[in-house]
Amino acid sequence: MKRLWTPAWIARHVASVVLVVAFLALGWWQISRAAGGNTLSWAYAFEWPIFAGFVVFVWWREARHTLRGDEPQRRAEPVVDGESAVGEAAPATRPVVRRPVRVTRVPAVAQGGEDDADLAAYNRYLSWLNANPGARPGDYPG
C-alpha cells in the first residue's frame, strides 16, 4: 500500500476526487436546469455521472496495476508449430512487440539495360506536371 502514497499517487488521488466531485456537481446542476424546462439538459444530467464513473474506473484500474507491479513477468518460450516439447498444446502467450525493422529502398534498375519508351514518356509527363503545378493534364504539349 505504500506505493499508493507516493507524491505522484497523492496527486492522482486528489485529482480523482476533484474530478468526481466536479462531475457530480455538474450533473446535479444539469438536473436542476432540466427540471426548469431545458430538455437538452436531461442528456447532460446522465452524461456527467458517467464521466465521474469513468474517472473512478481509471483510478481503480491504475491502482490495481500499481499494486500488482511486483509480480514477475513470465517469459514466453518459443513454440514450434503450436505444440510444446512434450507434444501437448502450448499455453497461450502474450504477443511480443518488437522494434520495427528499417529497410533501405534501392531504386529498381531496368532489366537488360533497355529503356521502355512508354515509361520514358510517362516520366517526361510527370516531370512536366511537377514543373508546372498549376497546369491541367490537358495542357501537356507532348
N, C-alpha and C. Protein backbone atom coordinates (compact mmCIF):
# COMPACT_ATOMS: atom_id res chain seq x y z
N MET A 1 0.81 -1.20 0.00
CA MET A 1 0.00 0.00 0.00
C MET A 1 0.85 1.26 0.00
N LYS A 2 2.14 1.13 0.38
CA LYS A 2 3.00 2.31 0.39
C LYS A 2 3.18 2.88 -1.01
N ARG A 3 3.02 2.02 -2.02
CA ARG A 3 3.19 2.50 -3.40
C ARG A 3 2.10 3.49 -3.79
N LEU A 4 0.96 3.45 -3.11
CA LEU A 4 -0.14 4.37 -3.43
C LEU A 4 -0.06 5.68 -2.65
N TRP A 5 1.00 5.86 -1.86
CA TRP A 5 1.15 7.10 -1.10
C TRP A 5 2.41 7.86 -1.49
N THR A 6 2.86 7.69 -2.72
CA THR A 6 3.97 8.50 -3.23
C THR A 6 3.41 9.85 -3.65
N PRO A 7 4.26 10.86 -3.83
CA PRO A 7 3.75 12.17 -4.25
C PRO A 7 2.94 12.13 -5.56
N ALA A 8 3.36 11.30 -6.50
CA ALA A 8 2.61 11.21 -7.76
C ALA A 8 1.23 10.61 -7.53
N TRP A 9 1.14 9.60 -6.67
CA TRP A 9 -0.15 8.98 -6.40
C TRP A 9 -1.05 9.88 -5.56
N ILE A 10 -0.47 10.64 -4.65
CA ILE A 10 -1.29 11.59 -3.88
C ILE A 10 -1.92 12.61 -4.82
N ALA A 11 -1.14 13.06 -5.81
CA ALA A 11 -1.69 13.99 -6.80
C ALA A 11 -2.81 13.32 -7.60
N ARG A 12 -2.64 12.04 -7.94
CA ARG A 12 -3.70 11.32 -8.66
C ARG A 12 -4.95 11.17 -7.81
N HIS A 13 -4.77 10.87 -6.51
CA HIS A 13 -5.92 10.74 -5.62
C HIS A 13 -6.69 12.06 -5.54
N VAL A 14 -5.95 13.15 -5.36
CA VAL A 14 -6.58 14.47 -5.25
C VAL A 14 -7.29 14.83 -6.55
N ALA A 15 -6.62 14.60 -7.68
CA ALA A 15 -7.23 14.92 -8.97
C ALA A 15 -8.49 14.09 -9.20
N SER A 16 -8.45 12.82 -8.81
CA SER A 16 -9.62 11.97 -8.99
C SER A 16 -10.80 12.45 -8.15
N VAL A 17 -10.53 12.80 -6.89
CA VAL A 17 -11.60 13.27 -6.02
C VAL A 17 -12.18 14.59 -6.55
N VAL A 18 -11.31 15.49 -6.98
CA VAL A 18 -11.78 16.78 -7.51
C VAL A 18 -12.63 16.56 -8.76
N LEU A 19 -12.17 15.69 -9.67
CA LEU A 19 -12.93 15.45 -10.89
C LEU A 19 -14.28 14.79 -10.60
N VAL A 20 -14.30 13.81 -9.71
CA VAL A 20 -15.56 13.13 -9.40
C VAL A 20 -16.55 14.11 -8.78
N VAL A 21 -16.10 14.92 -7.83
CA VAL A 21 -16.98 15.89 -7.19
C VAL A 21 -17.47 16.91 -8.21
N ALA A 22 -16.56 17.39 -9.07
CA ALA A 22 -16.96 18.38 -10.08
C ALA A 22 -17.96 17.78 -11.06
N PHE A 23 -17.72 16.55 -11.52
CA PHE A 23 -18.64 15.94 -12.48
C PHE A 23 -20.00 15.68 -11.86
N LEU A 24 -20.04 15.24 -10.62
CA LEU A 24 -21.33 15.02 -9.97
C LEU A 24 -22.06 16.34 -9.73
N ALA A 25 -21.31 17.40 -9.39
CA ALA A 25 -21.93 18.72 -9.21
C ALA A 25 -22.49 19.22 -10.53
N LEU A 26 -21.77 19.02 -11.62
CA LEU A 26 -22.28 19.43 -12.92
C LEU A 26 -23.52 18.63 -13.31
N GLY A 27 -23.55 17.35 -12.95
CA GLY A 27 -24.74 16.54 -13.20
C GLY A 27 -25.94 17.05 -12.43
N TRP A 28 -25.71 17.41 -11.17
CA TRP A 28 -26.80 17.96 -10.35
C TRP A 28 -27.29 19.29 -10.91
N TRP A 29 -26.36 20.11 -11.37
CA TRP A 29 -26.72 21.40 -11.97
C TRP A 29 -27.56 21.17 -13.22
N GLN A 30 -27.20 20.17 -14.04
CA GLN A 30 -27.97 19.90 -15.25
C GLN A 30 -29.37 19.36 -14.90
N ILE A 31 -29.48 18.60 -13.82
CA ILE A 31 -30.81 18.12 -13.39
C ILE A 31 -31.68 19.31 -13.01
N SER A 32 -31.11 20.29 -12.30
CA SER A 32 -31.90 21.46 -11.92
C SER A 32 -32.31 22.27 -13.15
N ARG A 33 -31.43 22.34 -14.16
CA ARG A 33 -31.79 23.05 -15.39
C ARG A 33 -32.87 22.29 -16.15
N ALA A 34 -32.76 20.94 -16.17
CA ALA A 34 -33.76 20.13 -16.89
C ALA A 34 -35.11 20.24 -16.22
N ALA A 35 -35.12 20.30 -14.89
CA ALA A 35 -36.39 20.45 -14.17
C ALA A 35 -37.02 21.82 -14.45
N GLY A 36 -36.18 22.78 -14.83
CA GLY A 36 -36.68 24.12 -15.14
C GLY A 36 -37.23 24.25 -16.55
N GLY A 37 -37.16 23.15 -17.36
CA GLY A 37 -37.75 23.21 -18.69
C GLY A 37 -36.76 23.04 -19.82
N ASN A 38 -35.47 22.97 -19.55
CA ASN A 38 -34.47 22.80 -20.61
C ASN A 38 -34.33 21.30 -20.90
N THR A 39 -34.94 20.85 -22.00
CA THR A 39 -34.98 19.41 -22.28
C THR A 39 -33.62 18.85 -22.69
N LEU A 40 -32.75 19.66 -23.27
CA LEU A 40 -31.42 19.18 -23.65
C LEU A 40 -30.60 18.82 -22.42
N SER A 41 -30.87 19.45 -21.31
CA SER A 41 -30.11 19.19 -20.09
C SER A 41 -30.33 17.79 -19.54
N TRP A 42 -31.39 17.11 -19.94
CA TRP A 42 -31.59 15.74 -19.46
C TRP A 42 -30.46 14.83 -19.93
N ALA A 43 -29.99 15.02 -21.15
CA ALA A 43 -28.88 14.21 -21.65
C ALA A 43 -27.61 14.48 -20.85
N TYR A 44 -27.34 15.75 -20.57
CA TYR A 44 -26.15 16.10 -19.79
C TYR A 44 -26.28 15.64 -18.34
N ALA A 45 -27.48 15.59 -17.84
CA ALA A 45 -27.69 15.14 -16.46
C ALA A 45 -27.26 13.68 -16.30
N PHE A 46 -27.37 12.88 -17.35
CA PHE A 46 -26.90 11.49 -17.29
C PHE A 46 -25.45 11.36 -17.72
N GLU A 47 -24.98 12.29 -18.53
CA GLU A 47 -23.62 12.21 -19.05
C GLU A 47 -22.57 12.49 -17.98
N TRP A 48 -22.77 13.51 -17.15
CA TRP A 48 -21.76 13.87 -16.15
C TRP A 48 -21.51 12.78 -15.12
N PRO A 49 -22.52 12.10 -14.59
CA PRO A 49 -22.22 10.98 -13.69
C PRO A 49 -21.48 9.83 -14.38
N ILE A 50 -21.71 9.63 -15.67
CA ILE A 50 -20.95 8.61 -16.40
C ILE A 50 -19.48 9.00 -16.44
N PHE A 51 -19.20 10.29 -16.67
CA PHE A 51 -17.81 10.76 -16.65
C PHE A 51 -17.19 10.52 -15.28
N ALA A 52 -17.94 10.78 -14.22
CA ALA A 52 -17.43 10.55 -12.86
C ALA A 52 -17.13 9.06 -12.66
N GLY A 53 -18.01 8.20 -13.14
CA GLY A 53 -17.77 6.76 -13.04
C GLY A 53 -16.54 6.34 -13.81
N PHE A 54 -16.29 6.96 -14.96
CA PHE A 54 -15.10 6.64 -15.74
C PHE A 54 -13.83 7.02 -14.98
N VAL A 55 -13.86 8.17 -14.31
CA VAL A 55 -12.69 8.59 -13.51
C VAL A 55 -12.42 7.57 -12.40
N VAL A 56 -13.48 7.12 -11.74
CA VAL A 56 -13.32 6.11 -10.68
C VAL A 56 -12.76 4.82 -11.27
N PHE A 57 -13.26 4.40 -12.44
CA PHE A 57 -12.78 3.18 -13.07
C PHE A 57 -11.30 3.28 -13.41
N VAL A 58 -10.86 4.38 -14.01
CA VAL A 58 -9.45 4.55 -14.38
C VAL A 58 -8.58 4.58 -13.12
N TRP A 59 -9.03 5.28 -12.09
CA TRP A 59 -8.26 5.32 -10.84
C TRP A 59 -8.12 3.92 -10.24
N TRP A 60 -9.20 3.15 -10.21
CA TRP A 60 -9.18 1.80 -9.66
C TRP A 60 -8.26 0.89 -10.47
N ARG A 61 -8.35 0.98 -11.80
CA ARG A 61 -7.52 0.13 -12.66
C ARG A 61 -6.04 0.45 -12.50
N GLU A 62 -5.70 1.74 -12.44
CA GLU A 62 -4.30 2.12 -12.29
C GLU A 62 -3.76 1.74 -10.91
N ALA A 63 -4.58 1.87 -9.87
CA ALA A 63 -4.15 1.46 -8.53
C ALA A 63 -3.92 -0.04 -8.48
N ARG A 64 -4.81 -0.81 -9.09
CA ARG A 64 -4.65 -2.26 -9.14
C ARG A 64 -3.40 -2.66 -9.92
N HIS A 65 -3.15 -1.97 -11.00
CA HIS A 65 -1.96 -2.25 -11.81
C HIS A 65 -0.68 -1.93 -11.03
N THR A 66 -0.70 -0.85 -10.27
CA THR A 66 0.47 -0.48 -9.47
C THR A 66 0.70 -1.49 -8.36
N LEU A 67 -0.36 -1.93 -7.71
CA LEU A 67 -0.21 -2.90 -6.62
C LEU A 67 0.26 -4.26 -7.13
N ARG A 68 -0.09 -4.64 -8.34
CA ARG A 68 0.34 -5.91 -8.89
C ARG A 68 1.65 -5.80 -9.65
N GLY A 69 2.31 -4.68 -9.57
CA GLY A 69 3.52 -4.45 -10.35
C GLY A 69 4.70 -5.31 -9.97
N ASP A 70 4.72 -5.93 -8.78
CA ASP A 70 5.86 -6.72 -8.35
C ASP A 70 5.81 -8.17 -8.82
N GLU A 71 4.74 -8.58 -9.48
CA GLU A 71 4.67 -9.95 -9.96
C GLU A 71 5.72 -10.15 -11.05
N PRO A 72 6.46 -11.26 -11.00
CA PRO A 72 7.48 -11.49 -12.02
C PRO A 72 6.84 -11.73 -13.38
N GLN A 73 7.44 -11.15 -14.38
CA GLN A 73 6.95 -11.33 -15.74
C GLN A 73 7.40 -12.69 -16.26
N ARG A 74 6.46 -13.46 -16.78
CA ARG A 74 6.83 -14.75 -17.36
C ARG A 74 7.33 -14.53 -18.77
N ARG A 75 8.41 -15.23 -19.09
CA ARG A 75 8.96 -15.16 -20.43
C ARG A 75 8.20 -16.13 -21.33
N ALA A 76 7.88 -15.70 -22.50
CA ALA A 76 7.22 -16.58 -23.45
C ALA A 76 8.28 -17.46 -24.10
N GLU A 77 8.10 -18.79 -23.99
CA GLU A 77 9.04 -19.71 -24.60
C GLU A 77 8.66 -19.90 -26.06
N PRO A 78 9.66 -20.07 -26.92
CA PRO A 78 9.33 -20.26 -28.33
C PRO A 78 8.53 -21.55 -28.53
N VAL A 79 7.53 -21.46 -29.36
CA VAL A 79 6.66 -22.60 -29.63
C VAL A 79 6.81 -22.97 -31.09
N VAL A 80 6.99 -24.25 -31.36
CA VAL A 80 7.15 -24.71 -32.73
C VAL A 80 5.84 -25.37 -33.16
N ASP A 81 5.25 -24.87 -34.21
CA ASP A 81 4.02 -25.42 -34.78
C ASP A 81 2.89 -25.56 -33.77
N GLY A 82 2.81 -24.68 -32.79
CA GLY A 82 1.70 -24.68 -31.85
C GLY A 82 1.74 -25.80 -30.83
N GLU A 83 2.84 -26.54 -30.71
CA GLU A 83 2.94 -27.61 -29.73
C GLU A 83 4.17 -27.41 -28.88
N SER A 84 4.09 -27.88 -27.65
CA SER A 84 5.24 -27.79 -26.77
C SER A 84 6.13 -28.99 -27.01
N ALA A 85 7.25 -29.09 -26.29
CA ALA A 85 8.21 -30.17 -26.49
C ALA A 85 7.63 -31.52 -26.11
N VAL A 86 6.65 -31.56 -25.21
CA VAL A 86 6.06 -32.80 -24.76
C VAL A 86 5.02 -33.30 -25.75
N GLY A 87 4.58 -32.46 -26.66
CA GLY A 87 3.57 -32.86 -27.62
C GLY A 87 2.19 -32.37 -27.27
N GLU A 88 2.05 -31.64 -26.16
CA GLU A 88 0.76 -31.09 -25.76
C GLU A 88 0.58 -29.74 -26.42
N ALA A 89 -0.64 -29.27 -26.44
CA ALA A 89 -0.91 -27.94 -26.98
C ALA A 89 -0.26 -26.91 -26.07
N ALA A 90 0.41 -25.95 -26.67
CA ALA A 90 1.13 -24.93 -25.92
C ALA A 90 0.14 -23.94 -25.30
N PRO A 91 0.43 -23.43 -24.08
CA PRO A 91 -0.45 -22.42 -23.49
C PRO A 91 -0.36 -21.12 -24.28
N ALA A 92 -1.43 -20.37 -24.24
CA ALA A 92 -1.46 -19.10 -24.96
C ALA A 92 -0.49 -18.12 -24.31
N THR A 93 0.31 -17.47 -25.12
CA THR A 93 1.26 -16.47 -24.63
C THR A 93 0.89 -15.12 -25.19
N ARG A 94 1.33 -14.11 -24.50
CA ARG A 94 1.06 -12.75 -24.95
C ARG A 94 1.97 -12.41 -26.12
N PRO A 95 1.49 -11.69 -27.10
CA PRO A 95 2.35 -11.34 -28.23
C PRO A 95 3.44 -10.37 -27.78
N VAL A 96 4.58 -10.50 -28.40
CA VAL A 96 5.72 -9.65 -28.07
C VAL A 96 5.81 -8.56 -29.12
N VAL A 97 5.93 -7.33 -28.67
CA VAL A 97 6.06 -6.21 -29.58
C VAL A 97 7.54 -5.90 -29.72
N ARG A 98 8.02 -5.93 -30.94
CA ARG A 98 9.43 -5.68 -31.19
C ARG A 98 9.60 -4.40 -31.97
N ARG A 99 10.84 -3.93 -32.02
CA ARG A 99 11.14 -2.71 -32.77
C ARG A 99 10.96 -2.96 -34.25
N PRO A 100 10.50 -1.96 -34.98
CA PRO A 100 10.33 -2.15 -36.42
C PRO A 100 11.69 -2.25 -37.12
N VAL A 101 11.73 -2.97 -38.19
CA VAL A 101 12.94 -3.14 -38.98
C VAL A 101 12.94 -2.10 -40.06
N ARG A 102 14.04 -1.37 -40.17
CA ARG A 102 14.15 -0.36 -41.22
C ARG A 102 14.84 -0.96 -42.43
N VAL A 103 14.23 -0.79 -43.57
CA VAL A 103 14.78 -1.31 -44.80
C VAL A 103 15.03 -0.14 -45.72
N THR A 104 16.22 -0.08 -46.28
CA THR A 104 16.53 1.00 -47.21
C THR A 104 16.00 0.62 -48.58
N ARG A 105 15.46 1.59 -49.26
CA ARG A 105 14.91 1.35 -50.59
C ARG A 105 15.98 1.64 -51.63
N VAL A 106 16.08 0.73 -52.54
CA VAL A 106 17.02 0.88 -53.64
C VAL A 106 16.20 1.01 -54.91
N PRO A 107 16.48 2.04 -55.73
CA PRO A 107 15.69 2.17 -56.95
C PRO A 107 15.90 0.97 -57.87
N ALA A 108 14.83 0.58 -58.52
CA ALA A 108 14.89 -0.57 -59.42
C ALA A 108 15.70 -0.22 -60.66
N VAL A 109 16.49 -1.16 -61.09
CA VAL A 109 17.30 -0.99 -62.29
C VAL A 109 16.57 -1.66 -63.43
N ALA A 110 16.58 -1.00 -64.59
CA ALA A 110 15.89 -1.57 -65.75
C ALA A 110 16.53 -2.90 -66.13
N GLN A 111 15.71 -3.87 -66.46
CA GLN A 111 16.17 -5.20 -66.83
C GLN A 111 16.81 -5.15 -68.23
N GLY A 112 18.00 -5.67 -68.35
CA GLY A 112 18.64 -5.78 -69.66
C GLY A 112 19.13 -4.46 -70.22
N GLY A 113 19.03 -3.36 -69.52
CA GLY A 113 19.52 -2.07 -69.98
C GLY A 113 18.63 -1.41 -71.02
N GLU A 114 17.48 -1.99 -71.33
CA GLU A 114 16.59 -1.40 -72.34
C GLU A 114 15.72 -0.35 -71.68
N ASP A 115 15.52 0.77 -72.36
CA ASP A 115 14.59 1.79 -71.89
C ASP A 115 13.23 1.52 -72.50
N ASP A 116 12.24 1.55 -71.69
CA ASP A 116 10.87 1.38 -72.17
C ASP A 116 10.40 2.74 -72.66
N ALA A 117 9.94 2.79 -73.88
CA ALA A 117 9.52 4.07 -74.47
C ALA A 117 8.31 4.65 -73.74
N ASP A 118 7.37 3.80 -73.35
CA ASP A 118 6.18 4.28 -72.64
C ASP A 118 6.55 4.81 -71.26
N LEU A 119 7.48 4.11 -70.60
CA LEU A 119 7.90 4.57 -69.28
C LEU A 119 8.63 5.89 -69.37
N ALA A 120 9.47 6.06 -70.37
CA ALA A 120 10.19 7.32 -70.55
C ALA A 120 9.22 8.46 -70.84
N ALA A 121 8.20 8.19 -71.66
CA ALA A 121 7.21 9.23 -71.98
C ALA A 121 6.40 9.60 -70.74
N TYR A 122 6.06 8.61 -69.94
CA TYR A 122 5.30 8.88 -68.71
C TYR A 122 6.15 9.68 -67.72
N ASN A 123 7.43 9.37 -67.61
CA ASN A 123 8.32 10.13 -66.72
C ASN A 123 8.47 11.57 -67.20
N ARG A 124 8.55 11.78 -68.52
CA ARG A 124 8.60 13.16 -69.03
C ARG A 124 7.32 13.91 -68.68
N TYR A 125 6.18 13.22 -68.80
CA TYR A 125 4.88 13.82 -68.46
C TYR A 125 4.82 14.19 -66.98
N LEU A 126 5.29 13.30 -66.11
CA LEU A 126 5.29 13.59 -64.67
C LEU A 126 6.23 14.74 -64.33
N SER A 127 7.39 14.79 -64.97
CA SER A 127 8.31 15.90 -64.69
C SER A 127 7.73 17.21 -65.19
N TRP A 128 7.00 17.21 -66.32
CA TRP A 128 6.35 18.43 -66.80
C TRP A 128 5.27 18.87 -65.82
N LEU A 129 4.46 17.92 -65.31
CA LEU A 129 3.43 18.26 -64.33
C LEU A 129 4.07 18.83 -63.06
N ASN A 130 5.21 18.28 -62.65
CA ASN A 130 5.89 18.78 -61.47
C ASN A 130 6.44 20.18 -61.70
N ALA A 131 6.92 20.46 -62.91
CA ALA A 131 7.46 21.79 -63.22
C ALA A 131 6.36 22.82 -63.40
N ASN A 132 5.15 22.40 -63.72
CA ASN A 132 4.02 23.31 -63.95
C ASN A 132 2.88 22.93 -62.99
N PRO A 133 2.96 23.36 -61.71
CA PRO A 133 1.98 22.90 -60.72
C PRO A 133 0.56 23.38 -60.97
N GLY A 134 0.36 24.50 -61.65
CA GLY A 134 -0.99 24.98 -61.89
C GLY A 134 -1.61 24.46 -63.17
N ALA A 135 -0.84 23.69 -63.94
CA ALA A 135 -1.33 23.23 -65.24
C ALA A 135 -2.27 22.04 -65.07
N ARG A 136 -3.15 21.91 -66.06
CA ARG A 136 -4.04 20.76 -66.10
C ARG A 136 -3.42 19.70 -67.00
N PRO A 137 -3.82 18.44 -66.85
CA PRO A 137 -3.24 17.40 -67.70
C PRO A 137 -3.46 17.64 -69.19
N GLY A 138 -4.56 18.29 -69.55
CA GLY A 138 -4.83 18.57 -70.96
C GLY A 138 -3.90 19.62 -71.53
N ASP A 139 -3.17 20.38 -70.71
CA ASP A 139 -2.25 21.40 -71.19
C ASP A 139 -0.90 20.82 -71.60
N TYR A 140 -0.68 19.56 -71.39
CA TYR A 140 0.61 18.94 -71.68
C TYR A 140 0.88 19.01 -73.20
N PRO A 141 2.01 19.59 -73.59
CA PRO A 141 2.27 19.78 -75.03
C PRO A 141 2.67 18.49 -75.75
N GLY A 142 3.12 17.49 -75.04
CA GLY A 142 3.65 16.29 -75.70
C GLY A 142 2.60 15.30 -75.87
